[in-house]
PDB file of N, CA and C in Angstrom:
ATOM      1  N   MET A   1       3.350  13.205 -15.181  1.00  0.00           N
ATOM      2  CA  MET A   1       3.464  11.701 -14.978  1.00  0.00           C
ATOM      3  C   MET A   1       2.167  11.557 -13.892  1.00  0.00           C
ATOM      4  N   LYS A   2       1.303  10.325 -14.204  1.00  0.00           N
ATOM      5  CA  LYS A   2       0.709   9.733 -13.464  1.00  0.00           C
ATOM      6  C   LYS A   2       1.413   8.874 -12.185  1.00  0.00           C
ATOM      7  N   LYS A   3       0.979   9.173 -11.152  1.00  0.00           N
ATOM      8  CA  LYS A   3       1.450   7.894 -10.083  1.00  0.00           C
ATOM      9  C   LYS A   3       0.870   6.826  -9.867  1.00  0.00           C
ATOM     10  N   LEU A   4       1.092   5.999  -9.754  1.00  0.00           N
ATOM     11  CA  LEU A   4       0.812   4.181 -10.118  1.00  0.00           C
ATOM     12  C   LEU A   4       0.399   4.116  -8.735  1.00  0.00           C
ATOM     13  N   ASN A   5      -0.585   3.925  -8.245  1.00  0.00           N
ATOM     14  CA  ASN A   5      -0.884   2.872  -7.049  1.00  0.00           C
ATOM     15  C   ASN A   5      -0.092   1.376  -7.239  1.00  0.00           C
ATOM     16  N   CYS A   6       0.139   0.756  -6.383  1.00  0.00           N
ATOM     17  CA  CYS A   6       0.772  -0.745  -6.240  1.00  0.00           C
ATOM     18  C   CYS A   6      -0.127  -1.746  -6.887  1.00  0.00           C
ATOM     19  N   TRP A   7      -1.272  -1.216  -6.817  1.00  0.00           N
ATOM     20  CA  TRP A   7      -2.583  -2.763  -7.727  1.00  0.00           C
ATOM     21  C   TRP A   7      -1.802  -2.120  -9.310  1.00  0.00           C
ATOM     22  N   GLU A   8      -1.915  -0.687  -9.741  1.00  0.00           N
ATOM     23  CA  GLU A   8      -1.391  -0.353 -10.971  1.00  0.00           C
ATOM     24  C   GLU A   8      -0.073  -1.201 -11.744  1.00  0.00           C
ATOM     25  N   PHE A   9       0.854  -0.578 -10.519  1.00  0.00           N
ATOM     26  CA  PHE A   9       2.178  -0.731 -11.167  1.00  0.00           C
ATOM     27  C   PHE A   9       2.440  -2.715 -11.150  1.00  0.00           C
ATOM     28  N   LYS A  10       2.419  -3.502 -10.094  1.00  0.00           N
ATOM     29  CA  LYS A  10       1.898  -4.438  -9.838  1.00  0.00           C
ATOM     30  C   LYS A  10       1.660  -5.438 -10.937  1.00  0.00           C
ATOM     31  N   LYS A  11       0.220  -4.883 -11.263  1.00  0.00           N
ATOM     32  CA  LYS A  11      -0.908  -5.604 -12.652  1.00  0.00           C
ATOM     33  C   LYS A  11      -1.468  -6.962 -11.767  1.00  0.00           C
ATOM     34  N   CYS A  12      -1.604  -6.489  -9.714  1.00  0.00           N
ATOM     35  CA  CYS A  12      -2.697  -7.790  -9.696  1.00  0.00           C
ATOM     36  C   CYS A  12      -4.155  -7.838  -9.916  1.00  0.00           C
ATOM     37  N   GLY A  13      -4.588  -7.111 -10.263  1.00  0.00           N
ATOM     38  CA  GLY A  13      -6.151  -7.172 -10.328  1.00  0.00           C
ATOM     39  C   GLY A  13      -6.878  -7.317  -9.248  1.00  0.00           C
ATOM     40  N   ARG A  14      -6.453  -7.040  -7.856  1.00  0.00           N
ATOM     41  CA  ARG A  14      -7.080  -6.857  -6.930  1.00  0.00           C
ATOM     42  C   ARG A  14      -7.871  -5.660  -6.499  1.00  0.00           C
ATOM     43  N   GLU A  15      -7.570  -4.611  -7.220  1.00  0.00           N
ATOM     44  CA  GLU A  15      -8.271  -3.254  -6.842  1.00  0.00           C
ATOM     45  C   GLU A  15      -9.452  -3.708  -6.829  1.00  0.00           C
ATOM     46  N   PRO A  16     -10.678  -2.524  -6.355  1.00  0.00           N
ATOM     47  CA  PRO A  16     -11.911  -3.113  -6.156  1.00  0.00           C
ATOM     48  C   PRO A  16     -12.657  -2.885  -7.494  1.00  0.00           C
ATOM     49  N   ARG A  17     -13.072  -4.009  -8.234  1.00  0.00           N
ATOM     50  CA  ARG A  17     -13.763  -4.627 -10.162  1.00  0.00           C
ATOM     51  C   ARG A  17     -12.244  -4.472 -10.377  1.00  0.00           C
ATOM     52  N   GLY A  18     -11.923  -5.259  -9.876  1.00  0.00           N
ATOM     53  CA  GLY A  18     -10.237  -5.376 -10.426  1.00  0.00           C
ATOM     54  C   GLY A  18     -10.264  -7.319 -11.342  1.00  0.00           C
ATOM     55  N   ALA A  19     -10.020  -7.059 -12.505  1.00  0.00           N
ATOM     56  CA  ALA A  19      -9.671  -9.012 -13.247  1.00  0.00           C
ATOM     57  C   ALA A  19      -9.487 -10.146 -12.061  1.00  0.00           C
ATOM     58  N   ARG A  20      -9.428 -10.026 -10.692  1.00  0.00           N
ATOM     59  CA  ARG A  20      -8.832 -10.860  -9.897  1.00  0.00           C
ATOM     60  C   ARG A  20      -9.435 -10.439  -8.604  1.00  0.00           C
ATOM     61  N   ALA A  21     -10.393  -9.553  -8.298  1.00  0.00           N
ATOM     62  CA  ALA A  21     -11.077  -8.925  -6.921  1.00  0.00           C
ATOM     63  C   ALA A  21     -11.737  -9.943  -6.470  1.00  0.00           C
ATOM     64  N   GLN A  22     -12.321 -10.669  -7.280  1.00  0.00           N
ATOM     65  CA  GLN A  22     -13.603 -11.647  -6.965  1.00  0.00           C
ATOM     66  C   GLN A  22     -13.376 -13.091  -6.790  1.00  0.00           C
ATOM     67  N   GLU A  23     -12.317 -13.411  -7.435  1.00  0.00           N
ATOM     68  CA  GLU A  23     -11.470 -14.768  -7.098  1.00  0.00           C
ATOM     69  C   GLU A  23     -10.730 -14.752  -5.843  1.00  0.00           C
ATOM     70  N   LEU A  24      -9.792 -13.616  -5.735  1.00  0.00           N
ATOM     71  CA  LEU A  24      -8.846 -13.543  -4.145  1.00  0.00           C
ATOM     72  C   LEU A  24      -9.314 -12.456  -3.691  1.00  0.00           C
ATOM     73  N   GLY A  25     -10.274 -11.919  -3.393  1.00  0.00           N
ATOM     74  CA  GLY A  25     -10.515 -10.283  -3.133  1.00  0.00           C
ATOM     75  C   GLY A  25     -10.017  -9.597  -3.073  1.00  0.00           C
ATOM     76  N   VAL A  26     -10.938  -7.890  -2.565  1.00  0.00           N
ATOM     77  CA  VAL A  26     -10.092  -6.701  -2.637  1.00  0.00           C
ATOM     78  C   VAL A  26      -8.403  -6.763  -1.591  1.00  0.00           C
ATOM     79  N   CYS A  27      -7.944  -6.135  -2.492  1.00  0.00           N
ATOM     80  CA  CYS A  27      -6.483  -6.039  -1.480  1.00  0.00           C
ATOM     81  C   CYS A  27      -6.725  -4.769  -0.104  1.00  0.00           C
ATOM     82  N   PRO A  28      -6.037  -5.577   0.975  1.00  0.00           N
ATOM     83  CA  PRO A  28      -6.647  -4.578   1.976  1.00  0.00           C
ATOM     84  C   PRO A  28      -6.018  -2.725   1.914  1.00  0.00           C
ATOM     85  N   ALA A  29      -4.988  -2.997   0.744  1.00  0.00           N
ATOM     86  CA  ALA A  29      -4.294  -1.383  -0.047  1.00  0.00           C
ATOM     87  C   ALA A  29      -5.150  -0.713  -0.248  1.00  0.00           C
ATOM     88  N   ALA A  30      -6.227  -1.595  -0.754  1.00  0.00           N
ATOM     89  CA  ALA A  30      -7.108  -0.828  -1.858  1.00  0.00           C
ATOM     90  C   ALA A  30      -8.479   0.093  -1.017  1.00  0.00           C
ATOM     91  N   GLN A  31      -8.171  -0.367   0.134  1.00  0.00           N
ATOM     92  CA  GLN A  31      -9.615  -0.585   1.398  1.00  0.00           C
ATOM     93  C   GLN A  31      -9.117   0.615   2.819  1.00  0.00           C
ATOM     94  N   VAL A  32      -7.746   1.019   2.578  1.00  0.00           N
ATOM     95  CA  VAL A  32      -7.649   1.909   3.403  1.00  0.00           C
ATOM     96  C   VAL A  32      -7.582   2.977   3.600  1.00  0.00           C
ATOM     97  N   MET A  33      -8.656   3.904   4.131  1.00  0.00           N
ATOM     98  CA  MET A  33      -9.168   4.969   3.866  1.00  0.00           C
ATOM     99  C   MET A  33      -8.379   6.209   4.544  1.00  0.00           C
ATOM    100  N   GLU A  34      -8.008   5.863   5.138  1.00  0.00           N
ATOM    101  CA  GLU A  34      -6.728   6.506   6.345  1.00  0.00           C
ATOM    102  C   GLU A  34      -5.584   6.660   5.814  1.00  0.00           C
ATOM    103  N   LEU A  35      -5.057   6.521   4.292  1.00  0.00           N
ATOM    104  CA  LEU A  35      -4.129   6.637   4.047  1.00  0.00           C
ATOM    105  C   LEU A  35      -3.943   7.335   2.164  1.00  0.00           C
ATOM    106  N   ASP A  36      -5.521   7.803   2.033  1.00  0.00           N
ATOM    107  CA  ASP A  36      -5.891   8.349   0.731  1.00  0.00           C
ATOM    108  C   ASP A  36      -5.135   9.287   0.933  1.00  0.00           C
ATOM    109  N   ASN A  37      -4.262   9.416  -0.550  1.00  0.00           N
ATOM    110  CA  ASN A  37      -3.655  10.497  -1.032  1.00  0.00           C
ATOM    111  C   ASN A  37      -1.975  10.828  -0.542  1.00  0.00           C
ATOM    112  N   VAL A  38      -1.561   9.748  -0.124  1.00  0.00           N
ATOM    113  CA  VAL A  38       0.010   9.362   0.469  1.00  0.00           C
ATOM    114  C   VAL A  38       0.127   9.310  -0.436  1.00  0.00           C
ATOM    115  N   HIS A  39       1.297  10.417  -0.881  1.00  0.00           N
ATOM    116  CA  HIS A  39       2.352   9.699  -2.016  1.00  0.00           C
ATOM    117  C   HIS A  39       1.302  10.346  -2.811  1.00  0.00           C
ATOM    118  N   GLY A  40       0.317  10.598  -3.302  1.00  0.00           N
ATOM    119  CA  GLY A  40      -0.418  10.899  -4.820  1.00  0.00           C
ATOM    120  C   GLY A  40      -1.035   9.492  -4.441  1.00  0.00           C
ATOM    121  N   GLY A  41      -1.626   9.099  -3.779  1.00  0.00           N
ATOM    122  CA  GLY A  41      -2.150   7.715  -4.264  1.00  0.00           C
ATOM    123  C   GLY A  41      -3.437   7.407  -3.800  1.00  0.00           C
ATOM    124  N   MET A  42      -4.266   6.682  -4.267  1.00  0.00           N
ATOM    125  CA  MET A  42      -5.741   6.236  -3.775  1.00  0.00           C
ATOM    126  C   MET A  42      -5.370   5.204  -2.554  1.00  0.00           C
ATOM    127  N   ASN A  43      -6.605   5.380  -1.514  1.00  0.00           N
ATOM    128  CA  ASN A  43      -6.746   4.752  -0.154  1.00  0.00           C
ATOM    129  C   ASN A  43      -4.484   4.214   0.038  1.00  0.00           C
ATOM    130  N   GLY A  44      -4.456   3.239   0.296  1.00  0.00           N
ATOM    131  CA  GLY A  44      -3.146   2.820   0.631  1.00  0.00           C
ATOM    132  C   GLY A  44      -2.439   2.259  -0.585  1.00  0.00           C
ATOM    133  N   GLY A  45      -2.773   2.547  -1.519  1.00  0.00           N
ATOM    134  CA  GLY A  45      -1.943   2.564  -2.861  1.00  0.00           C
ATOM    135  C   GLY A  45      -0.978   2.828  -3.003  1.00  0.00           C
ATOM    136  N   ARG A  46       0.053   4.005  -2.447  1.00  0.00           N
ATOM    137  CA  ARG A  46       0.853   4.025  -2.668  1.00  0.00           C
ATOM    138  C   ARG A  46       1.766   4.175  -1.477  1.00  0.00           C
ATOM    139  N   SER A  47       1.101   3.213  -0.230  1.00  0.00           N
ATOM    140  CA  SER A  47       1.526   3.424   1.108  1.00  0.00           C
ATOM    141  C   SER A  47       1.757   1.872   1.417  1.00  0.00           C
ATOM    142  N   CYS A  48       1.244   0.503   0.556  1.00  0.00           N
ATOM    143  CA  CYS A  48       1.197  -0.287   1.084  1.00  0.00           C
ATOM    144  C   CYS A  48       1.798  -1.718   2.293  1.00  0.00           C
ATOM    145  N   TRP A  49       3.197  -0.863   2.211  1.00  0.00           N
ATOM    146  CA  TRP A  49       4.145  -1.414   3.038  1.00  0.00           C
ATOM    147  C   TRP A  49       3.761  -1.871   4.527  1.00  0.00           C
ATOM    148  N   VAL A  50       3.067  -0.291   4.885  1.00  0.00           N
ATOM    149  CA  VAL A  50       2.160  -0.187   6.111  1.00  0.00           C
ATOM    150  C   VAL A  50       1.121  -0.992   6.525  1.00  0.00           C
ATOM    151  N   ILE A  51       0.413  -1.834   5.462  1.00  0.00           N
ATOM    152  CA  ILE A  51      -0.858  -2.241   5.177  1.00  0.00           C
ATOM    153  C   ILE A  51      -0.746  -3.863   5.816  1.00  0.00           C
ATOM    154  N   ALA A  52      -1.019  -4.100   6.735  1.00  0.00           N
ATOM    155  CA  ALA A  52      -1.098  -5.877   6.832  1.00  0.00           C
ATOM    156  C   ALA A  52      -2.014  -6.870   6.178  1.00  0.00           C
ATOM    157  N   GLY A  53      -1.756  -7.442   5.986  1.00  0.00           N
ATOM    158  CA  GLY A  53      -2.686  -7.938   5.107  1.00  0.00           C
ATOM    159  C   GLY A  53      -2.805  -8.183   3.391  1.00  0.00           C
ATOM    160  N   THR A  54      -1.530  -7.424   2.896  1.00  0.00           N
ATOM    161  CA  THR A  54      -1.734  -7.705   1.755  1.00  0.00           C
ATOM    162  C   THR A  54      -1.021  -8.689   1.139  1.00  0.00           C
ATOM    163  N   TYR A  55      -1.040  -8.552  -0.444  1.00  0.00           N
ATOM    164  CA  TYR A  55      -0.590  -9.796  -0.851  1.00  0.00           C
ATOM    165  C   TYR A  55       0.807  -9.587  -1.435  1.00  0.00           C
ATOM    166  N   CYS A  56       2.031 -10.445  -1.392  1.00  0.00           N
ATOM    167  CA  CYS A  56       2.834 -10.254  -2.455  1.00  0.00           C
ATOM    168  C   CYS A  56       3.321 -11.762  -2.699  1.00  0.00           C
ATOM    169  N   LYS A  57       3.885 -11.908  -3.978  1.00  0.00           N
ATOM    170  CA  LYS A  57       4.128 -13.093  -5.356  1.00  0.00           C
ATOM    171  C   LYS A  57       2.898 -13.836  -4.912  1.00  0.00           C
ATOM    172  N   GLY A  58       1.508 -13.897  -4.992  1.00  0.00           N
ATOM    173  CA  GLY A  58       0.774 -14.130  -4.591  1.00  0.00           C
ATOM    174  C   GLY A  58      -0.220 -14.817  -2.650  1.00  0.00           C
ATOM    175  N   GLU A  59       1.241 -14.759  -1.926  1.00  0.00           N
ATOM    176  CA  GLU A  59       0.987 -14.542  -0.437  1.00  0.00           C
ATOM    177  C   GLU A  59       0.339 -13.564   0.355  1.00  0.00           C
ATOM    178  N   VAL A  60      -0.725 -13.576   1.248  1.00  0.00           N
ATOM    179  CA  VAL A  60      -0.931 -12.658   2.114  1.00  0.00           C
ATOM    180  C   VAL A  60       0.753 -12.821   3.117  1.00  0.00           C
ATOM    181  N   GLN A  61       0.647 -11.514   3.057  1.00  0.00           N
ATOM    182  CA  GLN A  61       1.758 -10.763   4.252  1.00  0.00           C
ATOM    183  C   GLN A  61       1.299 -10.568   5.502  1.00  0.00           C
ATOM    184  N   GLY A  62       1.777 -10.324   6.522  1.00  0.00           N
ATOM    185  CA  GLY A  62       1.292 -10.313   7.702  1.00  0.00           C
ATOM    186  C   GLY A  62       1.517  -8.771   8.249  1.00  0.00           C
ATOM    187  N   SER A  63       1.740  -8.456   9.297  1.00  0.00           N
ATOM    188  CA  SER A  63       1.831  -6.883  10.155  1.00  0.00           C
ATOM    189  C   SER A  63       3.370  -5.845   9.429  1.00  0.00           C
ATOM    190  N   PHE A  64       2.847  -5.070   9.496  1.00  0.00           N
ATOM    191  CA  PHE A  64       4.136  -4.096   9.013  1.00  0.00           C
ATOM    192  C   PHE A  64       5.832  -4.886   9.673  1.00  0.00           C
ATOM    193  N   ALA A  65       4.790  -5.131  10.939  1.00  0.00           N
ATOM    194  CA  ALA A  65       6.368  -5.844  11.482  1.00  0.00           C
ATOM    195  C   ALA A  65       7.610  -6.874  10.961  1.00  0.00           C
ATOM    196  N   GLN A  66       6.109  -7.847  10.474  1.00  0.00           N
ATOM    197  CA  GLN A  66       6.812  -9.403   9.740  1.00  0.00           C
ATOM    198  C   GLN A  66       6.669  -8.612   8.565  1.00  0.00           C
ATOM    199  N   LYS A  67       6.561  -8.056   7.944  1.00  0.00           N
ATOM    200  CA  LYS A  67       6.830  -8.241   6.073  1.00  0.00           C
ATOM    201  C   LYS A  67       7.532  -6.805   5.337  1.00  0.00           C
ATOM    202  N   TYR A  68       7.701  -5.372   6.650  1.00  0.00           N
ATOM    203  CA  TYR A  68       8.846  -4.530   6.092  1.00  0.00           C
ATOM    204  C   TYR A  68       9.943  -5.070   5.234  1.00  0.00           C
ATOM    205  N   HIS A  69      10.916  -5.718   5.790  1.00  0.00           N
ATOM    206  CA  HIS A  69      12.137  -6.097   5.025  1.00  0.00           C
ATOM    207  C   HIS A  69      11.800  -6.340   3.893  1.00  0.00           C
ATOM    208  N   ASN A  70      10.905  -7.539   3.384  1.00  0.00           N
ATOM    209  CA  ASN A  70      10.558  -7.428   1.886  1.00  0.00           C
ATOM    210  C   ASN A  70      10.061  -6.452   1.415  1.00  0.00           C
ATOM    211  N   CYS A  71       9.104  -6.116   1.949  1.00  0.00           N
ATOM    212  CA  CYS A  71       8.763  -4.490   1.514  1.00  0.00           C
ATOM    213  C   CYS A  71       9.375  -3.673   1.423  1.00  0.00           C
ATOM    214  N   SER A  72      10.890  -3.532   1.640  1.00  0.00           N
ATOM    215  CA  SER A  72      11.885  -2.573   1.675  1.00  0.00           C
ATOM    216  C   SER A  72      12.769  -2.909   0.482  1.00  0.00           C
ATOM    217  N   GLN A  73      12.757  -4.477  -0.086  1.00  0.00           N
ATOM    218  CA  GLN A  73      13.116  -4.416  -1.313  1.00  0.00           C
ATOM    219  C   GLN A  73      12.185  -4.689  -2.156  1.00  0.00           C
ATOM    220  N   CYS A  74      11.286  -4.188  -2.286  1.00  0.00           N
ATOM    221  CA  CYS A  74      10.221  -4.548  -3.471  1.00  0.00           C
ATOM    222  C   CYS A  74      10.482  -3.378  -4.727  1.00  0.00           C
ATOM    223  N   ASP A  75       9.990  -3.655  -5.520  1.00  0.00           N
ATOM    224  CA  ASP A  75      10.568  -2.909  -6.696  1.00  0.00           C
ATOM    225  C   ASP A  75       9.517  -1.578  -6.753  1.00  0.00           C
ATOM    226  N   PHE A  76       8.329  -1.430  -5.849  1.00  0.00           N
ATOM    227  CA  PHE A  76       7.053  -0.511  -6.622  1.00  0.00           C
ATOM    228  C   PHE A  76       7.528   0.237  -5.041  1.00  0.00           C
ATOM    229  N   TYR A  77       7.870  -0.187  -3.642  1.00  0.00           N
ATOM    230  CA  TYR A  77       8.732   1.050  -2.616  1.00  0.00           C
ATOM    231  C   TYR A  77       9.722   1.205  -3.111  1.00  0.00           C
ATOM    232  N   LYS A  78      10.458   0.846  -3.737  1.00  0.00           N
ATOM    233  CA  LYS A  78      11.600   1.710  -4.242  1.00  0.00           C
ATOM    234  C   LYS A  78      11.431   2.700  -5.519  1.00  0.00           C
ATOM    235  N   ALA A  79      10.331   2.169  -5.649  1.00  0.00           N
ATOM    236  CA  ALA A  79      10.015   3.552  -7.109  1.00  0.00           C
ATOM    237  C   ALA A  79       8.899   4.332  -6.250  1.00  0.00           C
ATOM    238  N   VAL A  80       8.313   4.197  -5.669  1.00  0.00           N
ATOM    239  CA  VAL A  80       7.713   5.916  -4.426  1.00  0.00           C
ATOM    240  C   VAL A  80       8.538   6.192  -4.063  1.00  0.00           C
ATOM    241  N   LYS A  81       9.527   5.606  -3.354  1.00  0.00           N
ATOM    242  CA  LYS A  81      10.912   6.609  -2.935  1.00  0.00           C
ATOM    243  C   LYS A  81      11.735   7.270  -3.677  1.00  0.00           C
ATOM    244  N   ALA A  82      11.800   6.583  -4.408  1.00  0.00           N
ATOM    245  CA  ALA A  82      12.610   7.486  -5.823  1.00  0.00           C
ATOM    246  C   ALA A  82      11.963   8.864  -6.347  1.00  0.00           C
ATOM    247  N   GLU A  83      10.514   8.312  -6.470  1.00  0.00           N
ATOM    248  CA  GLU A  83       9.587   9.555  -7.007  1.00  0.00           C
ATOM    249  C   GLU A  83       9.022  10.751  -5.898  1.00  0.00           C
ATOM    250  N   GLU A  84       9.317  10.350  -4.955  1.00  0.00           N
ATOM    251  CA  GLU A  84       8.933  11.501  -3.847  1.00  0.00           C
ATOM    252  C   GLU A  84       9.907  11.867  -3.408  1.00  0.00           C
ATOM    253  N   GLY A  85      11.256  11.303  -3.347  1.00  0.00           N
ATOM    254  CA  GLY A  85      12.258  12.253  -3.049  1.00  0.00           C
ATOM    255  C   GLY A  85      12.027  12.327  -1.492  1.00  0.00           C
ATOM    256  N   LEU A  86      12.442  14.024  -1.259  1.00  0.00           N
ATOM    257  CA  LEU A  86      12.352  14.227   0.105  1.00  0.00           C
ATOM    258  C   LEU A  86      10.840  14.736   0.799  1.00  0.00           C
ATOM    259  N   GLY A  87       9.985  14.535   0.066  1.00  0.00           N
ATOM    260  CA  GLY A  87       8.556  14.445   0.351  1.00  0.00           C
ATOM    261  C   GLY A  87       8.247  13.185   0.542  1.00  0.00           C
ATOM    262  N   PHE A  88       8.809  12.140   0.738  1.00  0.00           N
ATOM    263  CA  PHE A  88       8.578  10.884   1.276  1.00  0.00           C
ATOM    264  C   PHE A  88       8.138  10.249   2.593  1.00  0.00           C
ATOM    265  N   THR A  89       6.818   9.991   2.630  1.00  0.00           N
ATOM    266  CA  THR A  89       6.465   9.976   4.366  1.00  0.00           C
ATOM    267  C   THR A  89       7.182   8.729   4.825  1.00  0.00           C
ATOM    268  N   LEU A  90       7.389   8.971   5.922  1.00  0.00           N
ATOM    269  CA  LEU A  90       8.296   7.828   6.984  1.00  0.00           C
ATOM    270  C   LEU A  90       7.439   6.711   6.913  1.00  0.00           C
ATOM    271  N   SER A  91       7.976   5.273   7.328  1.00  0.00           N
ATOM    272  CA  SER A  91       6.463   4.773   7.565  1.00  0.00           C
ATOM    273  C   SER A  91       6.237   4.648   8.760  1.00  0.00           C
ATOM    274  N   ALA A  92       6.960   5.053  10.040  1.00  0.00           N
ATOM    275  CA  ALA A  92       6.497   5.025  10.938  1.00  0.00           C
ATOM    276  C   ALA A  92       5.230   6.502  11.455  1.00  0.00           C
ATOM    277  N   VAL A  93       5.336   6.963  10.099  1.00  0.00           N
ATOM    278  CA  VAL A  93       4.051   8.628  10.015  1.00  0.00           C
ATOM    279  C   VAL A  93       2.967   7.891  10.027  1.00  0.00           C
ATOM    280  N   LEU A  94       3.306   6.986   8.892  1.00  0.00           N
ATOM    281  CA  LEU A  94       1.968   6.273   8.352  1.00  0.00           C
ATOM    282  C   LEU A  94       1.428   5.620   9.245  1.00  0.00           C
ATOM    283  N   LEU A  95       2.020   4.538   9.919  1.00  0.00           N
ATOM    284  CA  LEU A  95       1.293   3.822  10.952  1.00  0.00           C
ATOM    285  C   LEU A  95       0.725   4.423  11.904  1.00  0.00           C
ATOM    286  N   ASP A  96       1.563   5.632  12.515  1.00  0.00           N
ATOM    287  CA  ASP A  96       0.794   6.656  13.012  1.00  0.00           C
ATOM    288  C   ASP A  96      -0.319   6.886  12.363  1.00  0.00           C
ATOM    289  N   ARG A  97      -0.474   7.447  11.706  1.00  0.00           N
ATOM    290  CA  ARG A  97      -1.626   8.083  10.666  1.00  0.00           C
ATOM    291  C   ARG A  97      -3.041   7.026  10.897  1.00  0.00           C
ATOM    292  N   VAL A  98      -2.647   6.043  10.512  1.00  0.00           N
ATOM    293  CA  VAL A  98      -3.221   4.748  10.722  1.00  0.00           C
ATOM    294  C   VAL A  98      -4.246   4.510  12.119  1.00  0.00           C
ATOM    295  N   GLN A  99      -3.406   3.696  12.720  1.00  0.00           N
ATOM    296  CA  GLN A  99      -3.764   4.153  13.796  1.00  0.00           C
ATOM    297  C   GLN A  99      -4.530   5.047  14.558  1.00  0.00           C
ATOM    298  N   SER A 100      -4.214   6.610  14.561  1.00  0.00           N
ATOM    299  CA  SER A 100      -4.570   7.043  15.278  1.00  0.00           C
ATOM    300  C   SER A 100      -6.111   7.568  14.509  1.00  0.00           C
ATOM    301  N   LEU A 101      -6.088   7.719  12.820  1.00  0.00           N
ATOM    302  CA  LEU A 101      -7.562   7.769  12.392  1.00  0.00           C
ATOM    303  C   LEU A 101      -8.514   6.830  13.067  1.00  0.00           C
ATOM    304  N   LYS A 102      -8.128   5.574  12.905  1.00  0.00           N
ATOM    305  CA  LYS A 102      -8.710   4.011  13.442  1.00  0.00           C
ATOM    306  C   LYS A 102      -9.326   4.365  14.808  1.00  0.00           C
ATOM    307  N   LYS A 103      -8.770   5.165  15.560  1.00  0.00           N
ATOM    308  CA  LYS A 103      -9.104   5.076  17.428  1.00  0.00           C
ATOM    309  C   LYS A 103     -10.567   6.571  17.031  1.00  0.00           C
ATOM    310  N   THR A 104      -9.974   7.551  16.241  1.00  0.00           N
ATOM    311  CA  THR A 104     -10.961   8.001  16.169  1.00  0.00           C
ATOM    312  C   THR A 104     -12.281   8.239  15.103  1.00  0.00           C
ATOM    313  N   GLY A 105     -12.248   7.504  14.415  1.00  0.00           N
ATOM    314  CA  GLY A 105     -13.187   7.338  13.078  1.00  0.00           C
ATOM    315  C   GLY A 105     -14.033   6.239  13.538  1.00  0.00           C
TER     316      GLY A 105
END
């Protein structure tokens, strides 16, 4: 079974060359290369809850701390968590990965 990225699951059209990318901009989740292949996704496509500035219900979300509660209730987050089971990478590990790779990159 193909693992969907958030933009495929939510059908937002904000992936590169997506239907709404020119109008709304490309979502940060589609651009965070530090999280490429996490949970089998492209860039941050299967770890969007740790990425600042993603959209939810048409509104820009803030930092991880500001948005995590809402994200933890999201159908996509729950689907990824269920699909990954014991292989689900905790948010703290993902945040550390993004921060440490940005410092060295």
